[in-house]
Amino acid sequence: GFLDHMLELFSAHGSFDLAIKCVGDTNVDYHHTVEDVAIVLGRAFDEALMERRGICRYGSFILPMDEALVLAAVDISGRGVLGYGLSFPTEKIGDFDTELVREFMSAFSRNLGAAVHLRQLAGENSHHIAEAAFKALARALKAAVAIDASSPGRIPSTKGTIV
């Protein structure tokens, strides 16, 4: 349920048309399901962006969610790296382990081939922190994948390729 909620708001705030169906081993726990969804989602973005021609490449967003404030910055560089600075005051949000937010973000960034940085600037409520992170990532990614009006056909790298 919580992952569904995060994916719905990620889709809405990024203006991404997502349809994801996953059958996992949630009777054990949510780890594999969360990681597998992030892998597939990252690969889908990677395939959709192909050689990255015409995109802005970079995006960032600072998102307030009640008392929480989270910064997300994205570089679709071809190098999947996660810079993670979120701290959850609780171990769970409902029955969802908060450590799975990091697992999702790590698998997503690796499989997209993007440097994703998340920094919590404020926050005391685990649900608000997680929600701010997913929404901020969606908004930063929306900016990064947008077509660069000044260079609509150019690969956004001085090397001429993003690997």
N, C-alpha and C. Protein backbone atom coordinates (compact mmCIF):
# COMPACT_ATOMS: atom_id res chain seq x y z
N GLY A 1 0.80 -1.20 0.00
CA GLY A 1 0.00 0.00 0.00
C GLY A 1 0.83 1.26 0.00
N PHE A 2 1.87 1.34 0.85
CA PHE A 2 2.67 2.56 0.92
C PHE A 2 3.46 2.76 -0.36
N LEU A 3 4.04 1.71 -0.92
CA LEU A 3 4.77 1.83 -2.18
C LEU A 3 3.82 2.28 -3.29
N ASP A 4 2.63 1.74 -3.33
CA ASP A 4 1.63 2.19 -4.32
C ASP A 4 1.38 3.69 -4.19
N HIS A 5 1.24 4.15 -2.96
CA HIS A 5 1.01 5.57 -2.70
C HIS A 5 2.19 6.41 -3.21
N MET A 6 3.42 5.97 -2.95
CA MET A 6 4.61 6.70 -3.40
C MET A 6 4.70 6.71 -4.93
N LEU A 7 4.37 5.61 -5.58
CA LEU A 7 4.42 5.54 -7.04
C LEU A 7 3.33 6.39 -7.67
N GLU A 8 2.16 6.44 -7.06
CA GLU A 8 1.08 7.28 -7.58
C GLU A 8 1.47 8.75 -7.53
N LEU A 9 2.05 9.17 -6.43
CA LEU A 9 2.41 10.59 -6.35
C LEU A 9 3.65 10.89 -7.18
N PHE A 10 4.56 9.93 -7.32
CA PHE A 10 5.71 10.08 -8.22
C PHE A 10 5.20 10.31 -9.65
N SER A 11 4.25 9.50 -10.08
CA SER A 11 3.67 9.61 -11.41
C SER A 11 2.98 10.95 -11.59
N ALA A 12 2.20 11.36 -10.61
CA ALA A 12 1.45 12.62 -10.72
C ALA A 12 2.37 13.83 -10.73
N HIS A 13 3.36 13.86 -9.85
CA HIS A 13 4.23 15.04 -9.74
C HIS A 13 5.27 15.11 -10.85
N GLY A 14 5.58 13.99 -11.45
CA GLY A 14 6.51 14.00 -12.57
C GLY A 14 5.82 14.07 -13.92
N SER A 15 4.50 13.98 -13.93
CA SER A 15 3.71 13.89 -15.15
C SER A 15 4.15 12.68 -15.99
N PHE A 16 4.42 11.58 -15.27
CA PHE A 16 4.82 10.33 -15.93
C PHE A 16 3.61 9.40 -15.98
N ASP A 17 3.37 8.83 -17.14
CA ASP A 17 2.27 7.89 -17.31
C ASP A 17 2.80 6.51 -16.94
N LEU A 18 2.48 6.06 -15.73
CA LEU A 18 3.00 4.78 -15.25
C LEU A 18 1.87 3.77 -15.07
N ALA A 19 2.14 2.55 -15.48
CA ALA A 19 1.26 1.43 -15.18
C ALA A 19 2.19 0.29 -14.76
N ILE A 20 2.20 -0.01 -13.49
CA ILE A 20 3.11 -1.02 -12.95
C ILE A 20 2.29 -2.10 -12.26
N LYS A 21 2.62 -3.34 -12.59
CA LYS A 21 1.99 -4.47 -11.91
C LYS A 21 3.11 -5.36 -11.41
N CYS A 22 3.05 -5.70 -10.14
CA CYS A 22 4.09 -6.52 -9.54
C CYS A 22 3.46 -7.56 -8.64
N VAL A 23 3.92 -8.77 -8.78
CA VAL A 23 3.54 -9.83 -7.86
C VAL A 23 4.83 -10.25 -7.18
N GLY A 24 4.92 -10.02 -5.88
CA GLY A 24 6.16 -10.29 -5.18
C GLY A 24 5.96 -11.20 -4.00
N ASP A 25 7.05 -11.40 -3.30
CA ASP A 25 7.03 -12.27 -2.12
C ASP A 25 6.78 -11.44 -0.86
N THR A 26 5.71 -10.67 -0.90
CA THR A 26 5.40 -9.77 0.22
C THR A 26 5.00 -10.53 1.48
N ASN A 27 4.73 -11.82 1.35
CA ASN A 27 4.47 -12.62 2.54
C ASN A 27 5.75 -12.76 3.38
N VAL A 28 6.92 -12.60 2.74
CA VAL A 28 8.20 -12.63 3.45
C VAL A 28 8.46 -11.24 4.01
N ASP A 29 8.60 -10.26 3.12
CA ASP A 29 8.70 -8.84 3.43
C ASP A 29 8.62 -8.07 2.13
N TYR A 30 8.84 -6.76 2.17
CA TYR A 30 8.67 -5.94 0.98
C TYR A 30 9.97 -5.66 0.24
N HIS A 31 11.09 -6.13 0.75
CA HIS A 31 12.39 -5.77 0.20
C HIS A 31 12.51 -6.09 -1.30
N HIS A 32 12.30 -7.35 -1.68
CA HIS A 32 12.47 -7.73 -3.08
C HIS A 32 11.47 -7.03 -3.99
N THR A 33 10.25 -6.87 -3.53
CA THR A 33 9.24 -6.21 -4.34
C THR A 33 9.62 -4.75 -4.60
N VAL A 34 10.02 -4.05 -3.55
CA VAL A 34 10.40 -2.64 -3.69
C VAL A 34 11.60 -2.51 -4.61
N GLU A 35 12.62 -3.35 -4.40
CA GLU A 35 13.83 -3.29 -5.22
C GLU A 35 13.52 -3.64 -6.68
N ASP A 36 12.74 -4.67 -6.90
CA ASP A 36 12.41 -5.09 -8.27
C ASP A 36 11.60 -4.03 -9.02
N VAL A 37 10.65 -3.39 -8.33
CA VAL A 37 9.88 -2.33 -8.97
C VAL A 37 10.81 -1.18 -9.36
N ALA A 38 11.74 -0.83 -8.48
CA ALA A 38 12.68 0.26 -8.77
C ALA A 38 13.60 -0.10 -9.93
N ILE A 39 14.04 -1.34 -10.00
CA ILE A 39 14.89 -1.79 -11.11
C ILE A 39 14.14 -1.65 -12.43
N VAL A 40 12.93 -2.16 -12.48
CA VAL A 40 12.13 -2.10 -13.71
C VAL A 40 11.82 -0.66 -14.09
N LEU A 41 11.49 0.17 -13.11
CA LEU A 41 11.18 1.57 -13.39
C LEU A 41 12.41 2.31 -13.91
N GLY A 42 13.56 2.08 -13.29
CA GLY A 42 14.80 2.70 -13.76
C GLY A 42 15.15 2.26 -15.17
N ARG A 43 15.00 0.97 -15.45
CA ARG A 43 15.28 0.47 -16.80
C ARG A 43 14.30 1.03 -17.83
N ALA A 44 13.04 1.20 -17.44
CA ALA A 44 12.04 1.76 -18.35
C ALA A 44 12.41 3.20 -18.72
N PHE A 45 12.82 3.99 -17.74
CA PHE A 45 13.25 5.36 -18.04
C PHE A 45 14.50 5.34 -18.92
N ASP A 46 15.43 4.46 -18.61
CA ASP A 46 16.66 4.35 -19.40
C ASP A 46 16.34 4.04 -20.86
N GLU A 47 15.48 3.07 -21.09
CA GLU A 47 15.10 2.70 -22.45
C GLU A 47 14.33 3.82 -23.15
N ALA A 48 13.45 4.48 -22.43
CA ALA A 48 12.65 5.55 -23.04
C ALA A 48 13.53 6.73 -23.45
N LEU A 49 14.58 6.99 -22.69
CA LEU A 49 15.46 8.13 -22.99
C LEU A 49 16.49 7.81 -24.07
N MET A 50 16.64 6.56 -24.42
CA MET A 50 17.58 6.09 -25.44
C MET A 50 18.94 6.75 -25.26
N GLU A 51 19.41 7.53 -26.24
CA GLU A 51 20.74 8.13 -26.15
C GLU A 51 20.74 9.48 -25.45
N ARG A 52 19.58 9.86 -24.87
CA ARG A 52 19.42 11.10 -24.11
C ARG A 52 19.42 12.35 -24.98
N ARG A 53 19.25 12.19 -26.26
CA ARG A 53 19.28 13.32 -27.19
C ARG A 53 18.18 14.32 -26.87
N GLY A 54 18.60 15.58 -26.71
CA GLY A 54 17.67 16.69 -26.55
C GLY A 54 17.20 16.97 -25.12
N ILE A 55 17.51 16.10 -24.16
CA ILE A 55 17.01 16.34 -22.81
C ILE A 55 17.87 17.38 -22.09
N CYS A 56 17.32 17.96 -21.05
CA CYS A 56 18.06 18.94 -20.25
C CYS A 56 19.18 18.27 -19.44
N ARG A 57 19.00 17.02 -19.07
CA ARG A 57 19.94 16.20 -18.32
C ARG A 57 19.93 16.46 -16.83
N TYR A 58 19.90 17.72 -16.41
CA TYR A 58 19.95 18.06 -15.00
C TYR A 58 18.60 18.56 -14.52
N GLY A 59 18.30 18.27 -13.27
CA GLY A 59 17.10 18.81 -12.65
C GLY A 59 17.23 18.78 -11.15
N SER A 60 16.62 19.75 -10.50
CA SER A 60 16.61 19.75 -9.04
C SER A 60 15.32 20.39 -8.56
N PHE A 61 14.96 20.04 -7.33
CA PHE A 61 13.73 20.57 -6.77
C PHE A 61 13.81 20.47 -5.25
N ILE A 62 13.37 21.49 -4.57
CA ILE A 62 13.24 21.46 -3.11
C ILE A 62 11.75 21.43 -2.81
N LEU A 63 11.32 20.39 -2.11
CA LEU A 63 9.90 20.19 -1.90
C LEU A 63 9.54 20.23 -0.41
N PRO A 64 8.61 21.13 -0.04
CA PRO A 64 8.08 21.11 1.32
C PRO A 64 6.89 20.16 1.41
N MET A 65 6.84 19.38 2.46
CA MET A 65 5.69 18.50 2.73
C MET A 65 5.40 18.65 4.22
N ASP A 66 4.51 19.57 4.52
CA ASP A 66 4.25 19.94 5.90
C ASP A 66 5.56 20.36 6.57
N GLU A 67 5.98 19.70 7.64
CA GLU A 67 7.21 20.10 8.34
C GLU A 67 8.48 19.57 7.66
N ALA A 68 8.32 18.67 6.70
CA ALA A 68 9.47 18.08 6.00
C ALA A 68 9.87 18.95 4.81
N LEU A 69 11.17 18.96 4.55
CA LEU A 69 11.71 19.70 3.41
C LEU A 69 12.83 18.85 2.83
N VAL A 70 12.68 18.46 1.56
CA VAL A 70 13.64 17.55 0.92
C VAL A 70 14.09 18.13 -0.41
N LEU A 71 15.39 18.09 -0.63
CA LEU A 71 15.99 18.49 -1.90
C LEU A 71 16.31 17.23 -2.70
N ALA A 72 15.96 17.26 -3.98
CA ALA A 72 16.35 16.20 -4.91
C ALA A 72 17.08 16.85 -6.08
N ALA A 73 18.20 16.25 -6.48
CA ALA A 73 18.95 16.71 -7.64
C ALA A 73 19.29 15.49 -8.48
N VAL A 74 19.16 15.64 -9.80
CA VAL A 74 19.35 14.53 -10.72
C VAL A 74 20.28 14.94 -11.85
N ASP A 75 21.22 14.06 -12.19
CA ASP A 75 22.05 14.20 -13.39
C ASP A 75 21.94 12.90 -14.14
N ILE A 76 21.29 12.92 -15.29
CA ILE A 76 21.15 11.71 -16.11
C ILE A 76 22.43 11.57 -16.91
N SER A 77 23.44 11.05 -16.25
CA SER A 77 24.81 11.04 -16.74
C SER A 77 25.25 9.71 -17.34
N GLY A 78 24.45 8.68 -17.13
CA GLY A 78 24.87 7.34 -17.52
C GLY A 78 25.55 6.60 -16.38
N ARG A 79 25.79 7.32 -15.29
CA ARG A 79 26.46 6.72 -14.12
C ARG A 79 25.47 6.72 -12.97
N GLY A 80 25.06 5.53 -12.57
CA GLY A 80 24.06 5.38 -11.51
C GLY A 80 24.67 5.45 -10.13
N VAL A 81 24.43 6.56 -9.46
CA VAL A 81 24.97 6.79 -8.12
C VAL A 81 23.87 7.41 -7.27
N LEU A 82 23.81 7.01 -6.02
CA LEU A 82 22.86 7.61 -5.09
C LEU A 82 23.62 8.32 -3.99
N GLY A 83 23.33 9.60 -3.83
CA GLY A 83 23.78 10.37 -2.67
C GLY A 83 22.56 10.51 -1.77
N TYR A 84 22.63 9.95 -0.59
CA TYR A 84 21.43 9.79 0.24
C TYR A 84 21.61 10.48 1.59
N GLY A 85 20.73 11.40 1.88
CA GLY A 85 20.78 12.10 3.15
C GLY A 85 19.40 12.24 3.77
N LEU A 86 18.69 11.12 3.88
CA LEU A 86 17.39 11.12 4.54
C LEU A 86 17.53 10.38 5.87
N SER A 87 16.84 10.88 6.87
CA SER A 87 16.88 10.25 8.19
C SER A 87 15.46 10.13 8.71
N PHE A 88 15.04 8.90 8.92
CA PHE A 88 13.67 8.64 9.35
C PHE A 88 13.63 8.42 10.87
N PRO A 89 12.73 9.09 11.56
CA PRO A 89 12.64 8.91 13.01
C PRO A 89 12.02 7.58 13.43
N THR A 90 11.34 6.91 12.50
CA THR A 90 10.74 5.61 12.81
C THR A 90 11.29 4.56 11.85
N GLU A 91 11.23 3.30 12.25
CA GLU A 91 11.69 2.20 11.40
C GLU A 91 10.63 1.78 10.39
N LYS A 92 9.39 2.14 10.65
CA LYS A 92 8.30 1.73 9.77
C LYS A 92 7.33 2.88 9.52
N ILE A 93 6.71 2.84 8.36
CA ILE A 93 5.56 3.68 8.04
C ILE A 93 4.45 2.68 7.77
N GLY A 94 3.56 2.51 8.70
CA GLY A 94 2.61 1.40 8.63
C GLY A 94 3.39 0.10 8.72
N ASP A 95 3.27 -0.75 7.70
CA ASP A 95 4.06 -2.00 7.69
C ASP A 95 5.23 -1.93 6.70
N PHE A 96 5.55 -0.72 6.24
CA PHE A 96 6.63 -0.49 5.28
C PHE A 96 7.90 -0.08 6.03
N ASP A 97 8.99 -0.81 5.81
CA ASP A 97 10.26 -0.48 6.44
C ASP A 97 10.85 0.77 5.79
N THR A 98 11.17 1.77 6.59
CA THR A 98 11.69 3.02 6.04
C THR A 98 13.04 2.83 5.34
N GLU A 99 13.80 1.81 5.70
CA GLU A 99 15.06 1.55 5.00
C GLU A 99 14.85 1.21 3.53
N LEU A 100 13.63 0.83 3.18
CA LEU A 100 13.33 0.49 1.79
C LEU A 100 13.26 1.71 0.88
N VAL A 101 13.12 2.89 1.45
CA VAL A 101 13.17 4.10 0.63
C VAL A 101 14.56 4.18 0.00
N ARG A 102 15.60 3.94 0.79
CA ARG A 102 16.97 3.97 0.26
C ARG A 102 17.16 2.86 -0.77
N GLU A 103 16.65 1.68 -0.51
CA GLU A 103 16.77 0.56 -1.46
C GLU A 103 16.12 0.92 -2.79
N PHE A 104 14.94 1.52 -2.74
CA PHE A 104 14.25 1.93 -3.96
C PHE A 104 15.09 2.94 -4.73
N MET A 105 15.52 3.98 -4.06
CA MET A 105 16.26 5.06 -4.71
C MET A 105 17.58 4.56 -5.30
N SER A 106 18.25 3.67 -4.59
CA SER A 106 19.51 3.11 -5.07
C SER A 106 19.31 2.28 -6.33
N ALA A 107 18.33 1.39 -6.31
CA ALA A 107 18.06 0.54 -7.48
C ALA A 107 17.58 1.37 -8.66
N PHE A 108 16.76 2.37 -8.39
CA PHE A 108 16.25 3.24 -9.46
C PHE A 108 17.40 4.01 -10.12
N SER A 109 18.25 4.64 -9.33
CA SER A 109 19.33 5.45 -9.89
C SER A 109 20.33 4.59 -10.66
N ARG A 110 20.66 3.42 -10.14
CA ARG A 110 21.59 2.50 -10.82
C ARG A 110 21.05 2.09 -12.18
N ASN A 111 19.78 1.73 -12.23
CA ASN A 111 19.22 1.20 -13.46
C ASN A 111 18.83 2.28 -14.47
N LEU A 112 18.59 3.48 -14.01
CA LEU A 112 18.38 4.61 -14.92
C LEU A 112 19.72 5.10 -15.46
N GLY A 113 20.77 4.97 -14.66
CA GLY A 113 22.06 5.54 -15.03
C GLY A 113 22.07 7.02 -14.73
N ALA A 114 21.72 7.36 -13.49
CA ALA A 114 21.64 8.76 -13.09
C ALA A 114 22.23 8.94 -11.70
N ALA A 115 22.87 10.07 -11.52
CA ALA A 115 23.26 10.48 -10.17
C ALA A 115 22.03 11.11 -9.55
N VAL A 116 21.57 10.53 -8.46
CA VAL A 116 20.41 11.04 -7.74
C VAL A 116 20.86 11.40 -6.34
N HIS A 117 20.63 12.65 -5.97
CA HIS A 117 20.97 13.11 -4.62
C HIS A 117 19.70 13.52 -3.91
N LEU A 118 19.54 13.03 -2.69
CA LEU A 118 18.41 13.39 -1.85
C LEU A 118 18.95 13.89 -0.52
N ARG A 119 18.50 15.07 -0.11
CA ARG A 119 18.93 15.66 1.16
C ARG A 119 17.71 16.13 1.93
N GLN A 120 17.59 15.66 3.13
CA GLN A 120 16.53 16.11 4.02
C GLN A 120 17.01 17.37 4.72
N LEU A 121 16.30 18.45 4.51
CA LEU A 121 16.64 19.72 5.14
C LEU A 121 15.86 19.94 6.43
N ALA A 122 14.71 19.28 6.54
CA ALA A 122 13.89 19.34 7.75
C ALA A 122 12.93 18.17 7.71
N GLY A 123 12.37 17.83 8.86
CA GLY A 123 11.36 16.79 8.90
C GLY A 123 11.39 15.98 10.17
N GLU A 124 10.19 15.70 10.68
CA GLU A 124 10.04 14.91 11.90
C GLU A 124 9.09 13.74 11.72
N ASN A 125 8.35 13.72 10.63
CA ASN A 125 7.35 12.69 10.39
C ASN A 125 7.84 11.81 9.24
N SER A 126 8.00 10.53 9.51
CA SER A 126 8.56 9.61 8.50
C SER A 126 7.76 9.60 7.21
N HIS A 127 6.43 9.60 7.32
CA HIS A 127 5.59 9.58 6.12
C HIS A 127 5.84 10.84 5.29
N HIS A 128 5.91 11.99 5.94
CA HIS A 128 6.12 13.24 5.22
C HIS A 128 7.50 13.29 4.57
N ILE A 129 8.51 12.77 5.25
CA ILE A 129 9.87 12.75 4.70
C ILE A 129 9.92 11.89 3.44
N ALA A 130 9.35 10.68 3.52
CA ALA A 130 9.34 9.78 2.36
C ALA A 130 8.54 10.40 1.22
N GLU A 131 7.39 10.95 1.52
CA GLU A 131 6.56 11.54 0.48
C GLU A 131 7.26 12.73 -0.18
N ALA A 132 7.91 13.55 0.62
CA ALA A 132 8.66 14.69 0.07
C ALA A 132 9.78 14.19 -0.83
N ALA A 133 10.44 13.11 -0.45
CA ALA A 133 11.54 12.57 -1.26
C ALA A 133 11.03 12.07 -2.62
N PHE A 134 9.95 11.31 -2.64
CA PHE A 134 9.42 10.80 -3.90
C PHE A 134 8.89 11.93 -4.78
N LYS A 135 8.22 12.91 -4.18
CA LYS A 135 7.70 14.03 -4.96
C LYS A 135 8.84 14.90 -5.49
N ALA A 136 9.83 15.16 -4.65
CA ALA A 136 10.97 15.98 -5.09
C ALA A 136 11.73 15.27 -6.21
N LEU A 137 11.92 13.95 -6.08
CA LEU A 137 12.58 13.20 -7.15
C LEU A 137 11.78 13.30 -8.44
N ALA A 138 10.48 13.16 -8.35
CA ALA A 138 9.63 13.25 -9.55
C ALA A 138 9.77 14.60 -10.22
N ARG A 139 9.76 15.67 -9.44
CA ARG A 139 9.86 17.03 -10.00
C ARG A 139 11.25 17.27 -10.59
N ALA A 140 12.30 16.79 -9.93
CA ALA A 140 13.66 16.95 -10.45
C ALA A 140 13.84 16.14 -11.73
N LEU A 141 13.32 14.93 -11.74
CA LEU A 141 13.42 14.07 -12.93
C LEU A 141 12.61 14.65 -14.09
N LYS A 142 11.46 15.23 -13.79
CA LYS A 142 10.65 15.88 -14.82
C LYS A 142 11.46 16.98 -15.51
N ALA A 143 12.19 17.76 -14.73
CA ALA A 143 13.03 18.82 -15.29
C ALA A 143 14.19 18.24 -16.10
N ALA A 144 14.79 17.17 -15.59
CA ALA A 144 15.96 16.57 -16.26
C ALA A 144 15.60 15.93 -17.60
N VAL A 145 14.43 15.34 -17.71
CA VAL A 145 14.05 14.65 -18.96
C VAL A 145 13.33 15.57 -19.94
N ALA A 146 13.05 16.80 -19.52
CA ALA A 146 12.39 17.76 -20.41
C ALA A 146 13.29 18.06 -21.60
N ILE A 147 12.68 18.37 -22.72
CA ILE A 147 13.43 18.74 -23.92
C ILE A 147 14.03 20.13 -23.71
N ASP A 148 15.32 20.24 -23.97
CA ASP A 148 16.04 21.51 -23.87
C ASP A 148 15.75 22.31 -25.13
N ALA A 149 14.95 23.36 -24.98
CA ALA A 149 14.53 24.15 -26.13
C ALA A 149 15.70 24.77 -26.88
N SER A 150 16.81 25.03 -26.20
CA SER A 150 17.97 25.65 -26.85
C SER A 150 18.81 24.63 -27.63
N SER A 151 18.65 23.34 -27.33
CA SER A 151 19.42 22.29 -28.01
C SER A 151 18.58 21.03 -28.15
N PRO A 152 17.47 21.08 -28.87
CA PRO A 152 16.54 19.95 -28.89
C PRO A 152 17.08 18.65 -29.48
N GLY A 153 18.11 18.69 -30.28
CA GLY A 153 18.62 17.46 -30.88
C GLY A 153 19.99 17.05 -30.40
N ARG A 154 20.54 17.81 -29.49
CA ARG A 154 21.91 17.57 -29.04
C ARG A 154 21.94 16.61 -27.85
N ILE A 155 22.94 15.76 -27.82
CA ILE A 155 23.18 14.94 -26.64
C ILE A 155 23.85 15.85 -25.62
N PRO A 156 23.31 15.95 -24.41
CA PRO A 156 23.79 16.93 -23.45
C PRO A 156 25.10 16.51 -22.75
N SER A 157 26.15 16.41 -23.55
CA SER A 157 27.47 16.05 -23.03
C SER A 157 28.53 16.56 -23.99
N THR A 158 29.62 17.08 -23.47
CA THR A 158 30.71 17.53 -24.35
C THR A 158 31.38 16.35 -25.02
N LYS A 159 31.18 15.14 -24.50
CA LYS A 159 31.75 13.94 -25.12
C LYS A 159 30.94 13.46 -26.32
N GLY A 160 29.71 14.00 -26.43
CA GLY A 160 28.84 13.58 -27.53
C GLY A 160 28.11 12.29 -27.26
N THR A 161 28.26 11.75 -26.06
CA THR A 161 27.55 10.53 -25.66
C THR A 161 27.35 10.52 -24.17
N ILE A 162 26.32 9.86 -23.74
CA ILE A 162 26.11 9.62 -22.32
C ILE A 162 26.11 8.11 -22.14
N VAL A 163 27.12 7.66 -21.42
CA VAL A 163 27.30 6.21 -21.23
C VAL A 163 27.21 5.89 -19.76
